[in-house]
Amino acid sequence: MEKTDAISALAALAQTTRLETFRLLVRHEPEGIPAGELARMLDVPQNTMSAHLATLSRAGLLKSERQSRSIIYRADLDGLRELMLFLLKDCCGGTSELCEPLIAELTPCCVSEVRSC
């Protein structure tokens, strides 16, 4: 991931509705949520939600798929992984034991049997 891509992703998440939207979509992986339902769940006007979804999509954090008359949005977990790896790339100056607690804390969120995140 390039620095400009990371800045774009972080900037997209630096707004309350977009952050809430992304976290909601992560919780609903892999099914995703239709755009209209997202707007209802977060009590946001549909045209405003559309703008937020476009921002998150351009930042590489969302995927969308048309199903009949609906557009289903999903968190782009590959984009999230790339962002996290970018942020942790030079973790602890090469002293891996300093990063182990951070990695251990992130790991339970990613195990399919555990849905505590």
Protein backbone atom coordinates (compact mmCIF):
# COMPACT_ATOMS: atom_id res chain seq x y z
CA MET A 1 0.00 0.00 0.00
CA GLU A 2 1.26 3.44 -0.88
CA LYS A 3 1.29 6.26 1.64
CA THR A 4 -1.33 8.20 -0.33
CA ASP A 5 -3.67 5.17 -0.28
CA ALA A 6 -3.27 4.86 3.50
CA ILE A 7 -3.98 8.56 3.95
CA SER A 8 -7.10 8.23 1.78
CA ALA A 9 -8.36 5.24 3.82
CA LEU A 10 -7.67 6.91 7.15
CA ALA A 11 -9.30 10.15 5.97
CA ALA A 12 -12.39 8.22 4.88
CA LEU A 13 -12.68 6.67 8.34
CA ALA A 14 -12.11 10.01 10.09
CA GLN A 15 -15.82 10.89 9.96
CA THR A 16 -18.41 9.51 12.37
CA THR A 17 -20.97 8.15 9.88
CA ARG A 18 -18.34 6.55 7.67
CA LEU A 19 -16.59 4.96 10.64
CA GLU A 20 -19.92 3.61 11.97
CA THR A 21 -20.81 2.36 8.49
CA PHE A 22 -17.52 0.54 8.07
CA ARG A 23 -17.70 -1.06 11.52
CA LEU A 24 -21.30 -2.14 10.86
CA LEU A 25 -20.28 -3.74 7.58
CA VAL A 26 -17.38 -5.55 9.23
CA ARG A 27 -19.84 -7.01 11.75
CA HIS A 28 -22.05 -8.21 8.88
CA GLU A 29 -19.38 -10.00 6.90
CA PRO A 30 -19.66 -11.88 4.62
CA GLU A 31 -23.36 -11.22 3.93
CA GLY A 32 -23.14 -7.45 3.53
CA ILE A 33 -25.98 -4.97 3.83
CA PRO A 34 -28.07 -3.26 1.13
CA ALA A 35 -27.47 0.49 0.82
CA GLY A 36 -31.02 1.41 1.83
CA GLU A 37 -30.85 -0.78 4.91
CA LEU A 38 -27.54 0.82 5.91
CA ALA A 39 -29.17 4.24 5.69
CA ARG A 40 -32.09 3.06 7.85
CA MET A 41 -29.87 1.33 10.41
CA LEU A 42 -27.75 4.45 10.89
CA ASP A 43 -30.65 6.90 10.50
CA VAL A 44 -28.95 8.73 7.64
CA PRO A 45 -30.74 10.10 4.54
CA GLN A 46 -30.17 7.79 1.56
CA ASN A 47 -28.47 10.44 -0.58
CA THR A 48 -26.08 11.26 2.28
CA MET A 49 -25.37 7.55 2.81
CA SER A 50 -24.66 7.22 -0.90
CA ALA A 51 -21.99 9.91 -0.66
CA HIS A 52 -20.42 8.22 2.39
CA LEU A 53 -20.41 4.83 0.66
CA ALA A 54 -18.75 6.37 -2.40
CA THR A 55 -16.01 7.87 -0.22
CA LEU A 56 -15.36 4.55 1.53
CA SER A 57 -15.36 2.72 -1.82
CA ARG A 58 -12.85 5.14 -3.38
CA ALA A 59 -10.66 4.64 -0.31
CA GLY A 60 -10.57 0.88 -0.94
CA LEU A 61 -12.54 -0.03 2.17
CA LEU A 62 -15.81 -1.25 0.61
CA LYS A 63 -16.95 -3.58 -2.12
CA SER A 64 -20.37 -3.45 -3.72
CA GLU A 65 -22.42 -5.89 -5.73
CA ARG A 66 -25.72 -5.37 -7.51
CA GLN A 67 -28.34 -7.96 -6.64
CA SER A 68 -31.53 -7.34 -8.58
CA ARG A 69 -32.59 -3.80 -7.62
CA SER A 70 -30.33 -3.52 -4.56
CA ILE A 71 -26.67 -2.77 -4.13
CA ILE A 72 -25.13 -4.87 -1.38
CA TYR A 73 -22.14 -3.34 0.38
CA ARG A 74 -19.43 -5.31 2.14
CA ALA A 75 -16.32 -4.31 4.01
CA ASP A 76 -13.26 -4.88 1.84
CA LEU A 77 -11.27 -6.95 4.30
CA ASP A 78 -8.31 -7.09 1.91
CA GLY A 79 -8.23 -3.28 1.93
CA LEU A 80 -8.41 -3.29 5.73
CA ARG A 81 -5.61 -5.87 5.90
CA GLU A 82 -3.43 -3.76 3.61
CA LEU A 83 -4.05 -0.68 5.76
CA MET A 84 -3.23 -2.54 8.98
CA LEU A 85 -0.08 -4.04 7.45
CA PHE A 86 0.97 -0.60 6.24
CA LEU A 87 0.53 0.81 9.74
CA LEU A 88 2.42 -2.08 11.34
CA LYS A 89 5.06 -2.60 8.66
CA ASP A 90 7.93 -1.22 10.67
CA CYS A 91 6.45 -2.17 14.03
CA CYS A 92 8.77 -1.71 16.96
CA GLY A 93 11.88 -1.14 14.87
CA GLY A 94 12.31 -4.83 14.11
CA THR A 95 11.97 -5.94 17.73
CA SER A 96 9.20 -8.44 17.10
CA GLU A 97 8.61 -9.32 20.76
CA LEU A 98 7.35 -5.76 21.32
CA CYS A 99 4.68 -6.27 18.63
CA GLU A 100 3.57 -9.71 19.81
CA PRO A 101 1.02 -8.36 22.37
CA LEU A 102 -0.57 -6.16 19.69
CA ILE A 103 -0.79 -9.02 17.22
CA ALA A 104 -2.14 -11.36 19.91
CA GLU A 105 -4.88 -8.85 20.75
CA LEU A 106 -5.88 -8.50 17.09
CA THR A 107 -5.92 -12.24 16.41
CA PRO A 108 -9.12 -13.20 18.35
CA CYS A 109 -11.13 -10.71 16.29
CA CYS A 110 -10.12 -12.51 13.14
CA VAL A 111 -10.89 -16.09 14.20
CA SER A 112 -14.15 -17.24 12.64
CA GLU A 113 -15.45 -18.87 15.84
CA VAL A 114 -15.05 -15.64 17.83
CA ARG A 115 -17.30 -12.71 16.85
CA SER A 116 -16.48 -10.35 19.72
CA CYS A 117 -15.28 -7.40 17.62
